[in-house]
Amino acid sequence: MVEERLYIVTYDIADDRRWRRVFKLMRGYGRWLQLSVFQCRLSARRRAEMARRLEQVIHDRNDHVLILDLGPADKVEPRVESLGKSFESVKRTAVVI
């Protein structure tokens, strides 16, 4: 079985058109939490693919993406304080491509 890690990806994109492209790209990798924040459960290969694709969309001088590695997805239980809407961590599910 491939080990997956849990990531929080957050971004600040200067251009609205690029922001929408990043948002659509990220929907294929994780669960949308807030405006520019995604929670992703990824293998090393998928994480590298995601970073490569993000680098193709963003502009280095104007945009900023943070990828926070929280650790092994099956072993980490994020302790999140959520005000307002409730928070649910990403569960492992089968994806048919």
PDB file of N, CA and C in Angstrom:
ATOM      1  N   MET A   1       0.831  -1.182   0.000  1.00  0.00           N
ATOM      2  CA  MET A   1       0.000   0.000   0.000  1.00  0.00           C
ATOM      3  C   MET A   1       0.878   1.249   0.000  1.00  0.00           C
ATOM      4  N   VAL A   2       0.498   2.234  -0.762  1.00  0.00           N
ATOM      5  CA  VAL A   2       1.239   3.483  -0.880  1.00  0.00           C
ATOM      6  C   VAL A   2       0.950   4.361   0.331  1.00  0.00           C
ATOM      7  N   GLU A   3       2.006   4.848   0.951  1.00  0.00           N
ATOM      8  CA  GLU A   3       1.816   5.728   2.108  1.00  0.00           C
ATOM      9  C   GLU A   3       1.388   7.114   1.640  1.00  0.00           C
ATOM     10  N   GLU A   4       0.350   7.600   2.258  1.00  0.00           N
ATOM     11  CA  GLU A   4      -0.137   8.946   1.972  1.00  0.00           C
ATOM     12  C   GLU A   4       0.175   9.855   3.155  1.00  0.00           C
ATOM     13  N   ARG A   5       0.380  11.121   2.837  1.00  0.00           N
ATOM     14  CA  ARG A   5       0.630  12.118   3.865  1.00  0.00           C
ATOM     15  C   ARG A   5      -0.489  13.149   3.778  1.00  0.00           C
ATOM     16  N   LEU A   6      -0.717  13.824   4.892  1.00  0.00           N
ATOM     17  CA  LEU A   6      -1.749  14.849   4.953  1.00  0.00           C
ATOM     18  C   LEU A   6      -1.100  16.212   4.777  1.00  0.00           C
ATOM     19  N   TYR A   7      -1.633  17.012   3.862  1.00  0.00           N
ATOM     20  CA  TYR A   7      -1.088  18.336   3.560  1.00  0.00           C
ATOM     21  C   TYR A   7      -2.180  19.390   3.670  1.00  0.00           C
ATOM     22  N   ILE A   8      -1.766  20.573   4.081  1.00  0.00           N
ATOM     23  CA  ILE A   8      -2.605  21.758   3.958  1.00  0.00           C
ATOM     24  C   ILE A   8      -1.928  22.620   2.901  1.00  0.00           C
ATOM     25  N   VAL A   9      -2.694  22.988   1.883  1.00  0.00           N
ATOM     26  CA  VAL A   9      -2.165  23.835   0.811  1.00  0.00           C
ATOM     27  C   VAL A   9      -2.950  25.145   0.848  1.00  0.00           C
ATOM     28  N   THR A  10      -2.217  26.240   0.945  1.00  0.00           N
ATOM     29  CA  THR A  10      -2.832  27.557   0.967  1.00  0.00           C
ATOM     30  C   THR A  10      -2.106  28.438  -0.034  1.00  0.00           C
ATOM     31  N   TYR A  11      -2.828  29.354  -0.630  1.00  0.00           N
ATOM     32  CA  TYR A  11      -2.209  30.151  -1.688  1.00  0.00           C
ATOM     33  C   TYR A  11      -2.749  31.572  -1.711  1.00  0.00           C
ATOM     34  N   ASP A  12      -1.895  32.463  -2.200  1.00  0.00           N
ATOM     35  CA  ASP A  12      -2.227  33.869  -2.398  1.00  0.00           C
ATOM     36  C   ASP A  12      -1.836  34.183  -3.842  1.00  0.00           C
ATOM     37  N   ILE A  13      -2.826  34.307  -4.706  1.00  0.00           N
ATOM     38  CA  ILE A  13      -2.603  34.494  -6.134  1.00  0.00           C
ATOM     39  C   ILE A  13      -3.039  35.909  -6.509  1.00  0.00           C
ATOM     40  N   ALA A  14      -2.158  36.652  -7.162  1.00  0.00           N
ATOM     41  CA  ALA A  14      -2.383  38.067  -7.435  1.00  0.00           C
ATOM     42  C   ALA A  14      -3.437  38.337  -8.506  1.00  0.00           C
ATOM     43  N   ASP A  15      -3.609  37.429  -9.444  1.00  0.00           N
ATOM     44  CA  ASP A  15      -4.516  37.640 -10.571  1.00  0.00           C
ATOM     45  C   ASP A  15      -5.732  36.733 -10.435  1.00  0.00           C
ATOM     46  N   ASP A  16      -6.934  37.288 -10.629  1.00  0.00           N
ATOM     47  CA  ASP A  16      -8.174  36.508 -10.468  1.00  0.00           C
ATOM     48  C   ASP A  16      -8.242  35.317 -11.424  1.00  0.00           C
ATOM     49  N   ARG A  17      -7.793  35.491 -12.647  1.00  0.00           N
ATOM     50  CA  ARG A  17      -7.846  34.388 -13.610  1.00  0.00           C
ATOM     51  C   ARG A  17      -6.924  33.242 -13.181  1.00  0.00           C
ATOM     52  N   ARG A  18      -5.715  33.586 -12.730  1.00  0.00           N
ATOM     53  CA  ARG A  18      -4.800  32.553 -12.236  1.00  0.00           C
ATOM     54  C   ARG A  18      -5.346  31.925 -10.965  1.00  0.00           C
ATOM     55  N   TRP A  19      -5.969  32.743 -10.093  1.00  0.00           N
ATOM     56  CA  TRP A  19      -6.555  32.209  -8.859  1.00  0.00           C
ATOM     57  C   TRP A  19      -7.579  31.131  -9.200  1.00  0.00           C
ATOM     58  N   ARG A  20      -8.433  31.382 -10.182  1.00  0.00           N
ATOM     59  CA  ARG A  20      -9.447  30.388 -10.575  1.00  0.00           C
ATOM     60  C   ARG A  20      -8.787  29.131 -11.134  1.00  0.00           C
ATOM     61  N   ARG A  21      -7.719  29.284 -11.896  1.00  0.00           N
ATOM     62  CA  ARG A  21      -7.006  28.121 -12.433  1.00  0.00           C
ATOM     63  C   ARG A  21      -6.412  27.282 -11.301  1.00  0.00           C
ATOM     64  N   VAL A  22      -5.814  27.950 -10.298  1.00  0.00           N
ATOM     65  CA  VAL A  22      -5.242  27.237  -9.153  1.00  0.00           C
ATOM     66  C   VAL A  22      -6.355  26.541  -8.372  1.00  0.00           C
ATOM     67  N   PHE A  23      -7.459  27.241  -8.154  1.00  0.00           N
ATOM     68  CA  PHE A  23      -8.587  26.656  -7.427  1.00  0.00           C
ATOM     69  C   PHE A  23      -9.082  25.394  -8.132  1.00  0.00           C
ATOM     70  N   LYS A  24      -9.291  25.455  -9.430  1.00  0.00           N
ATOM     71  CA  LYS A  24      -9.768  24.286 -10.182  1.00  0.00           C
ATOM     72  C   LYS A  24      -8.749  23.154 -10.137  1.00  0.00           C
ATOM     73  N   LEU A  25      -7.472  23.486 -10.246  1.00  0.00           N
ATOM     74  CA  LEU A  25      -6.423  22.471 -10.171  1.00  0.00           C
ATOM     75  C   LEU A  25      -6.456  21.778  -8.807  1.00  0.00           C
ATOM     76  N   MET A  26      -6.557  22.562  -7.733  1.00  0.00           N
ATOM     77  CA  MET A  26      -6.527  22.012  -6.376  1.00  0.00           C
ATOM     78  C   MET A  26      -7.736  21.139  -6.074  1.00  0.00           C
ATOM     79  N   ARG A  27      -8.868  21.394  -6.707  1.00  0.00           N
ATOM     80  CA  ARG A  27     -10.052  20.548  -6.472  1.00  0.00           C
ATOM     81  C   ARG A  27      -9.792  19.105  -6.883  1.00  0.00           C
ATOM     82  N   GLY A  28      -8.821  18.889  -7.768  1.00  0.00           N
ATOM     83  CA  GLY A  28      -8.465  17.545  -8.171  1.00  0.00           C
ATOM     84  C   GLY A  28      -7.515  16.852  -7.213  1.00  0.00           C
ATOM     85  N   TYR A  29      -7.031  17.577  -6.214  1.00  0.00           N
ATOM     86  CA  TYR A  29      -6.057  17.004  -5.283  1.00  0.00           C
ATOM     87  C   TYR A  29      -6.522  16.939  -3.837  1.00  0.00           C
ATOM     88  N   GLY A  30      -7.556  17.678  -3.498  1.00  0.00           N
ATOM     89  CA  GLY A  30      -7.948  17.667  -2.093  1.00  0.00           C
ATOM     90  C   GLY A  30      -9.318  18.261  -1.863  1.00  0.00           C
ATOM     91  N   ARG A  31      -9.578  18.494  -0.604  1.00  0.00           N
ATOM     92  CA  ARG A  31     -10.884  19.009  -0.165  1.00  0.00           C
ATOM     93  C   ARG A  31     -10.753  20.491   0.162  1.00  0.00           C
ATOM     94  N   TRP A  32     -11.627  21.268  -0.411  1.00  0.00           N
ATOM     95  CA  TRP A  32     -11.643  22.703  -0.200  1.00  0.00           C
ATOM     96  C   TRP A  32     -12.124  23.005   1.208  1.00  0.00           C
ATOM     97  N   LEU A  33     -11.328  23.773   1.960  1.00  0.00           N
ATOM     98  CA  LEU A  33     -11.704  24.131   3.327  1.00  0.00           C
ATOM     99  C   LEU A  33     -12.183  25.570   3.416  1.00  0.00           C
ATOM    100  N   GLN A  34     -11.436  26.465   2.801  1.00  0.00           N
ATOM    101  CA  GLN A  34     -11.771  27.883   2.822  1.00  0.00           C
ATOM    102  C   GLN A  34     -11.330  28.494   1.504  1.00  0.00           C
ATOM    103  N   LEU A  35     -11.533  29.793   1.344  1.00  0.00           N
ATOM    104  CA  LEU A  35     -11.298  30.475   0.085  1.00  0.00           C
ATOM    105  C   LEU A  35     -10.035  30.003  -0.647  1.00  0.00           C
ATOM    106  N   SER A  36      -8.896  30.019  -0.026  1.00  0.00           N
ATOM    107  CA  SER A  36      -7.646  29.615  -0.679  1.00  0.00           C
ATOM    108  C   SER A  36      -6.913  28.556   0.138  1.00  0.00           C
ATOM    109  N   VAL A  37      -7.670  27.629   0.722  1.00  0.00           N
ATOM    110  CA  VAL A  37      -7.083  26.595   1.577  1.00  0.00           C
ATOM    111  C   VAL A  37      -7.685  25.230   1.221  1.00  0.00           C
ATOM    112  N   PHE A  38      -6.807  24.248   1.003  1.00  0.00           N
ATOM    113  CA  PHE A  38      -7.226  22.879   0.715  1.00  0.00           C
ATOM    114  C   PHE A  38      -6.532  21.923   1.667  1.00  0.00           C
ATOM    115  N   GLN A  39      -7.224  20.855   2.011  1.00  0.00           N
ATOM    116  CA  GLN A  39      -6.649  19.757   2.783  1.00  0.00           C
ATOM    117  C   GLN A  39      -6.511  18.586   1.809  1.00  0.00           C
ATOM    118  N   CYS A  40      -5.293  18.059   1.700  1.00  0.00           N
ATOM    119  CA  CYS A  40      -5.014  17.019   0.700  1.00  0.00           C
ATOM    120  C   CYS A  40      -4.382  15.801   1.356  1.00  0.00           C
ATOM    121  N   ARG A  41      -4.797  14.650   0.904  1.00  0.00           N
ATOM    122  CA  ARG A  41      -4.223  13.372   1.333  1.00  0.00           C
ATOM    123  C   ARG A  41      -3.562  12.791   0.091  1.00  0.00           C
ATOM    124  N   LEU A  42      -2.208  12.797   0.058  1.00  0.00           N
ATOM    125  CA  LEU A  42      -1.492  12.499  -1.182  1.00  0.00           C
ATOM    126  C   LEU A  42      -0.326  11.545  -0.977  1.00  0.00           C
ATOM    127  N   SER A  43      -0.082  10.734  -1.997  1.00  0.00           N
ATOM    128  CA  SER A  43       1.143   9.940  -2.062  1.00  0.00           C
ATOM    129  C   SER A  43       2.273  10.889  -2.476  1.00  0.00           C
ATOM    130  N   ALA A  44       3.496  10.422  -2.365  1.00  0.00           N
ATOM    131  CA  ALA A  44       4.646  11.242  -2.765  1.00  0.00           C
ATOM    132  C   ALA A  44       4.546  11.600  -4.247  1.00  0.00           C
ATOM    133  N   ARG A  45       4.114  10.660  -5.058  1.00  0.00           N
ATOM    134  CA  ARG A  45       3.977  10.912  -6.500  1.00  0.00           C
ATOM    135  C   ARG A  45       2.927  11.984  -6.784  1.00  0.00           C
ATOM    136  N   ARG A  46       1.763  11.879  -6.145  1.00  0.00           N
ATOM    137  CA  ARG A  46       0.691  12.878  -6.362  1.00  0.00           C
ATOM    138  C   ARG A  46       1.100  14.243  -5.838  1.00  0.00           C
ATOM    139  N   ARG A  47       1.824  14.280  -4.717  1.00  0.00           N
ATOM    140  CA  ARG A  47       2.288  15.551  -4.164  1.00  0.00           C
ATOM    141  C   ARG A  47       3.251  16.228  -5.134  1.00  0.00           C
ATOM    142  N   ALA A  48       4.182  15.470  -5.712  1.00  0.00           N
ATOM    143  CA  ALA A  48       5.138  16.015  -6.675  1.00  0.00           C
ATOM    144  C   ALA A  48       4.410  16.494  -7.936  1.00  0.00           C
ATOM    145  N   GLU A  49       3.439  15.722  -8.380  1.00  0.00           N
ATOM    146  CA  GLU A  49       2.641  16.108  -9.548  1.00  0.00           C
ATOM    147  C   GLU A  49       1.903  17.412  -9.293  1.00  0.00           C
ATOM    148  N   MET A  50       1.285  17.529  -8.107  1.00  0.00           N
ATOM    149  CA  MET A  50       0.547  18.731  -7.751  1.00  0.00           C
ATOM    150  C   MET A  50       1.479  19.952  -7.749  1.00  0.00           C
ATOM    151  N   ALA A  51       2.650  19.822  -7.126  1.00  0.00           N
ATOM    152  CA  ALA A  51       3.592  20.937  -7.055  1.00  0.00           C
ATOM    153  C   ALA A  51       4.053  21.339  -8.457  1.00  0.00           C
ATOM    154  N   ARG A  52       4.339  20.361  -9.299  1.00  0.00           N
ATOM    155  CA  ARG A  52       4.776  20.655 -10.670  1.00  0.00           C
ATOM    156  C   ARG A  52       3.687  21.410 -11.428  1.00  0.00           C
ATOM    157  N   ARG A  53       2.449  20.969 -11.305  1.00  0.00           N
ATOM    158  CA  ARG A  53       1.339  21.631 -12.001  1.00  0.00           C
ATOM    159  C   ARG A  53       1.087  23.032 -11.458  1.00  0.00           C
ATOM    160  N   LEU A  54       1.219  23.206 -10.142  1.00  0.00           N
ATOM    161  CA  LEU A  54       1.070  24.544  -9.567  1.00  0.00           C
ATOM    162  C   LEU A  54       2.150  25.483 -10.089  1.00  0.00           C
ATOM    163  N   GLU A  55       3.380  24.992 -10.171  1.00  0.00           N
ATOM    164  CA  GLU A  55       4.479  25.820 -10.672  1.00  0.00           C
ATOM    165  C   GLU A  55       4.244  26.266 -12.109  1.00  0.00           C
ATOM    166  N   GLN A  56       3.517  25.490 -12.881  1.00  0.00           N
ATOM    167  CA  GLN A  56       3.212  25.851 -14.261  1.00  0.00           C
ATOM    168  C   GLN A  56       2.155  26.951 -14.354  1.00  0.00           C
ATOM    169  N   VAL A  57       1.344  27.117 -13.300  1.00  0.00           N
ATOM    170  CA  VAL A  57       0.248  28.083 -13.321  1.00  0.00           C
ATOM    171  C   VAL A  57       0.637  29.407 -12.665  1.00  0.00           C
ATOM    172  N   ILE A  58       1.349  29.347 -11.555  1.00  0.00           N
ATOM    173  CA  ILE A  58       1.615  30.573 -10.792  1.00  0.00           C
ATOM    174  C   ILE A  58       2.735  31.410 -11.424  1.00  0.00           C
ATOM    175  N   HIS A  59       2.781  32.670 -11.037  1.00  0.00           N
ATOM    176  CA  HIS A  59       3.861  33.576 -11.405  1.00  0.00           C
ATOM    177  C   HIS A  59       4.731  33.775 -10.171  1.00  0.00           C
ATOM    178  N   ASP A  60       5.991  33.392 -10.275  1.00  0.00           N
ATOM    179  CA  ASP A  60       6.901  33.406  -9.123  1.00  0.00           C
ATOM    180  C   ASP A  60       6.984  34.753  -8.408  1.00  0.00           C
ATOM    181  N   ARG A  61       6.950  35.837  -9.134  1.00  0.00           N
ATOM    182  CA  ARG A  61       7.129  37.163  -8.520  1.00  0.00           C
ATOM    183  C   ARG A  61       5.877  37.692  -7.841  1.00  0.00           C
ATOM    184  N   ASN A  62       4.710  37.194  -8.252  1.00  0.00           N
ATOM    185  CA  ASN A  62       3.453  37.758  -7.756  1.00  0.00           C
ATOM    186  C   ASN A  62       2.636  36.829  -6.872  1.00  0.00           C
ATOM    187  N   ASP A  63       2.839  35.532  -6.993  1.00  0.00           N
ATOM    188  CA  ASP A  63       1.984  34.554  -6.319  1.00  0.00           C
ATOM    189  C   ASP A  63       2.770  33.784  -5.260  1.00  0.00           C
ATOM    190  N   HIS A  64       2.025  33.177  -4.325  1.00  0.00           N
ATOM    191  CA  HIS A  64       2.659  32.436  -3.234  1.00  0.00           C
ATOM    192  C   HIS A  64       1.796  31.228  -2.885  1.00  0.00           C
ATOM    193  N   VAL A  65       2.426  30.052  -2.824  1.00  0.00           N
ATOM    194  CA  VAL A  65       1.737  28.822  -2.436  1.00  0.00           C
ATOM    195  C   VAL A  65       2.513  28.198  -1.284  1.00  0.00           C
ATOM    196  N   LEU A  66       1.807  27.827  -0.222  1.00  0.00           N
ATOM    197  CA  LEU A  66       2.414  27.106   0.904  1.00  0.00           C
ATOM    198  C   LEU A  66       1.850  25.695   0.931  1.00  0.00           C
ATOM    199  N   ILE A  67       2.745  24.703   1.058  1.00  0.00           N
ATOM    200  CA  ILE A  67       2.345  23.302   1.196  1.00  0.00           C
ATOM    201  C   ILE A  67       2.853  22.834   2.557  1.00  0.00           C
ATOM    202  N   LEU A  68       1.942  22.637   3.489  1.00  0.00           N
ATOM    203  CA  LEU A  68       2.296  22.248   4.855  1.00  0.00           C
ATOM    204  C   LEU A  68       2.106  20.741   5.012  1.00  0.00           C
ATOM    205  N   ASP A  69       3.170  20.040   5.335  1.00  0.00           N
ATOM    206  CA  ASP A  69       3.149  18.587   5.521  1.00  0.00           C
ATOM    207  C   ASP A  69       2.829  18.298   6.986  1.00  0.00           C
ATOM    208  N   LEU A  70       1.658  17.683   7.233  1.00  0.00           N
ATOM    209  CA  LEU A  70       1.237  17.386   8.604  1.00  0.00           C
ATOM    210  C   LEU A  70       1.670  16.003   9.071  1.00  0.00           C
ATOM    211  N   GLY A  71       2.159  15.171   8.136  1.00  0.00           N
ATOM    212  CA  GLY A  71       2.630  13.843   8.513  1.00  0.00           C
ATOM    213  C   GLY A  71       1.835  12.740   7.864  1.00  0.00           C
ATOM    214  N   PRO A  72       2.144  11.480   8.241  1.00  0.00           N
ATOM    215  CA  PRO A  72       1.447  10.328   7.661  1.00  0.00           C
ATOM    216  C   PRO A  72      -0.062  10.433   7.876  1.00  0.00           C
ATOM    217  N   ALA A  73      -0.816  10.311   6.797  1.00  0.00           N
ATOM    218  CA  ALA A  73      -2.262  10.532   6.848  1.00  0.00           C
ATOM    219  C   ALA A  73      -2.973   9.570   7.786  1.00  0.00           C
ATOM    220  N   ASP A  74      -2.502   8.330   7.874  1.00  0.00           N
ATOM    221  CA  ASP A  74      -3.168   7.354   8.727  1.00  0.00           C
ATOM    222  C   ASP A  74      -2.803   7.505  10.205  1.00  0.00           C
ATOM    223  N   LYS A  75      -1.755   8.258  10.487  1.00  0.00           N
ATOM    224  CA  LYS A  75      -1.280   8.366  11.866  1.00  0.00           C
ATOM    225  C   LYS A  75      -1.527   9.727  12.493  1.00  0.00           C
ATOM    226  N   VAL A  76      -1.808  10.726  11.686  1.00  0.00           N
ATOM    227  CA  VAL A  76      -1.993  12.072  12.222  1.00  0.00           C
ATOM    228  C   VAL A  76      -3.480  12.358  12.399  1.00  0.00           C
ATOM    229  N   GLU A  77      -3.807  12.898  13.511  1.00  0.00           N
ATOM    230  CA  GLU A  77      -5.161  13.365  13.796  1.00  0.00           C
ATOM    231  C   GLU A  77      -5.063  14.872  13.992  1.00  0.00           C
ATOM    232  N   PRO A  78      -5.384  15.641  12.954  1.00  0.00           N
ATOM    233  CA  PRO A  78      -5.244  17.091  13.102  1.00  0.00           C
ATOM    234  C   PRO A  78      -6.114  17.614  14.237  1.00  0.00           C
ATOM    235  N   ARG A  79      -5.504  18.393  15.082  1.00  0.00           N
ATOM    236  CA  ARG A  79      -6.250  19.062  16.148  1.00  0.00           C
ATOM    237  C   ARG A  79      -6.535  20.471  15.646  1.00  0.00           C
ATOM    238  N   VAL A  80      -7.766  20.675  15.247  1.00  0.00           N
ATOM    239  CA  VAL A  80      -8.156  21.924  14.615  1.00  0.00           C
ATOM    240  C   VAL A  80      -9.242  22.578  15.455  1.00  0.00           C
ATOM    241  N   GLU A  81      -9.046  23.831  15.739  1.00  0.00           N
ATOM    242  CA  GLU A  81     -10.102  24.596  16.388  1.00  0.00           C
ATOM    243  C   GLU A  81     -10.861  25.310  15.288  1.00  0.00           C
ATOM    244  N   SER A  82     -12.133  25.034  15.171  1.00  0.00           N
ATOM    245  CA  SER A  82     -12.946  25.589  14.097  1.00  0.00           C
ATOM    246  C   SER A  82     -14.021  26.485  14.702  1.00  0.00           C
ATOM    247  N   LEU A  83     -14.027  27.717  14.274  1.00  0.00           N
ATOM    248  CA  LEU A  83     -15.058  28.662  14.692  1.00  0.00           C
ATOM    249  C   LEU A  83     -16.014  28.839  13.519  1.00  0.00           C
ATOM    250  N   GLY A  84     -17.283  28.771  13.769  1.00  0.00           N
ATOM    251  CA  GLY A  84     -18.241  28.851  12.673  1.00  0.00           C
ATOM    252  C   GLY A  84     -18.541  27.458  12.152  1.00  0.00           C
ATOM    253  N   LYS A  85     -18.331  27.243  10.854  1.00  0.00           N
ATOM    254  CA  LYS A  85     -18.601  25.942  10.241  1.00  0.00           C
ATOM    255  C   LYS A  85     -17.756  24.855  10.886  1.00  0.00           C
ATOM    256  N   SER A  86     -18.270  23.625  10.855  1.00  0.00           N
ATOM    257  CA  SER A  86     -17.520  22.521  11.434  1.00  0.00           C
ATOM    258  C   SER A  86     -16.411  22.075  10.486  1.00  0.00           C
ATOM    259  N   PHE A  87     -15.403  21.421  11.024  1.00  0.00           N
ATOM    260  CA  PHE A  87     -14.245  20.963  10.274  1.00  0.00           C
ATOM    261  C   PHE A  87     -14.226  19.450  10.271  1.00  0.00           C
ATOM    262  N   GLU A  88     -13.980  18.841   9.113  1.00  0.00           N
ATOM    263  CA  GLU A  88     -13.822  17.390   8.994  1.00  0.00           C
ATOM    264  C   GLU A  88     -12.537  17.106   8.246  1.00  0.00           C
ATOM    265  N   SER A  89     -11.731  16.191   8.771  1.00  0.00           N
ATOM    266  CA  SER A  89     -10.496  15.837   8.068  1.00  0.00           C
ATOM    267  C   SER A  89     -10.816  14.943   6.879  1.00  0.00           C
ATOM    268  N   VAL A  90      -9.889  14.895   5.927  1.00  0.00           N
ATOM    269  CA  VAL A  90     -10.068  14.100   4.727  1.00  0.00           C
ATOM    270  C   VAL A  90      -9.968  12.622   5.054  1.00  0.00           C
ATOM    271  N   LYS A  91     -10.925  11.861   4.615  1.00  0.00           N
ATOM    272  CA  LYS A  91     -10.943  10.405   4.818  1.00  0.00           C
ATOM    273  C   LYS A  91     -10.434   9.722   3.562  1.00  0.00           C
ATOM    274  N   ARG A  92      -9.842   8.561   3.716  1.00  0.00           N
ATOM    275  CA  ARG A  92      -9.361   7.784   2.569  1.00  0.00           C
ATOM    276  C   ARG A  92     -10.576   7.210   1.834  1.00  0.00           C
ATOM    277  N   THR A  93     -10.662   7.470   0.537  1.00  0.00           N
ATOM    278  CA  THR A  93     -11.725   6.937  -0.295  1.00  0.00           C
ATOM    279  C   THR A  93     -11.148   6.499  -1.630  1.00  0.00           C
ATOM    280  N   ALA A  94     -11.810   5.577  -2.250  1.00  0.00           N
ATOM    281  CA  ALA A  94     -11.389   5.114  -3.573  1.00  0.00           C
ATOM    282  C   ALA A  94     -11.783   6.155  -4.617  1.00  0.00           C
ATOM    283  N   VAL A  95     -10.893   6.367  -5.577  1.00  0.00           N
ATOM    284  CA  VAL A  95     -11.158   7.300  -6.664  1.00  0.00           C
ATOM    285  C   VAL A  95     -11.010   6.531  -7.966  1.00  0.00           C
ATOM    286  N   VAL A  96     -12.050   6.565  -8.788  1.00  0.00           N
ATOM    287  CA  VAL A  96     -12.008   5.908 -10.079  1.00  0.00           C
ATOM    288  C   VAL A  96     -11.681   6.949 -11.133  1.00  0.00           C
ATOM    289  N   ILE A  97     -10.602   6.679 -11.881  1.00  0.00           N
ATOM    290  CA  ILE A  97     -10.179   7.639 -12.914  1.00  0.00           C
ATOM    291  C   ILE A  97     -10.373   7.023 -14.274  1.00  0.00           C
TER     292      ILE A  97
END
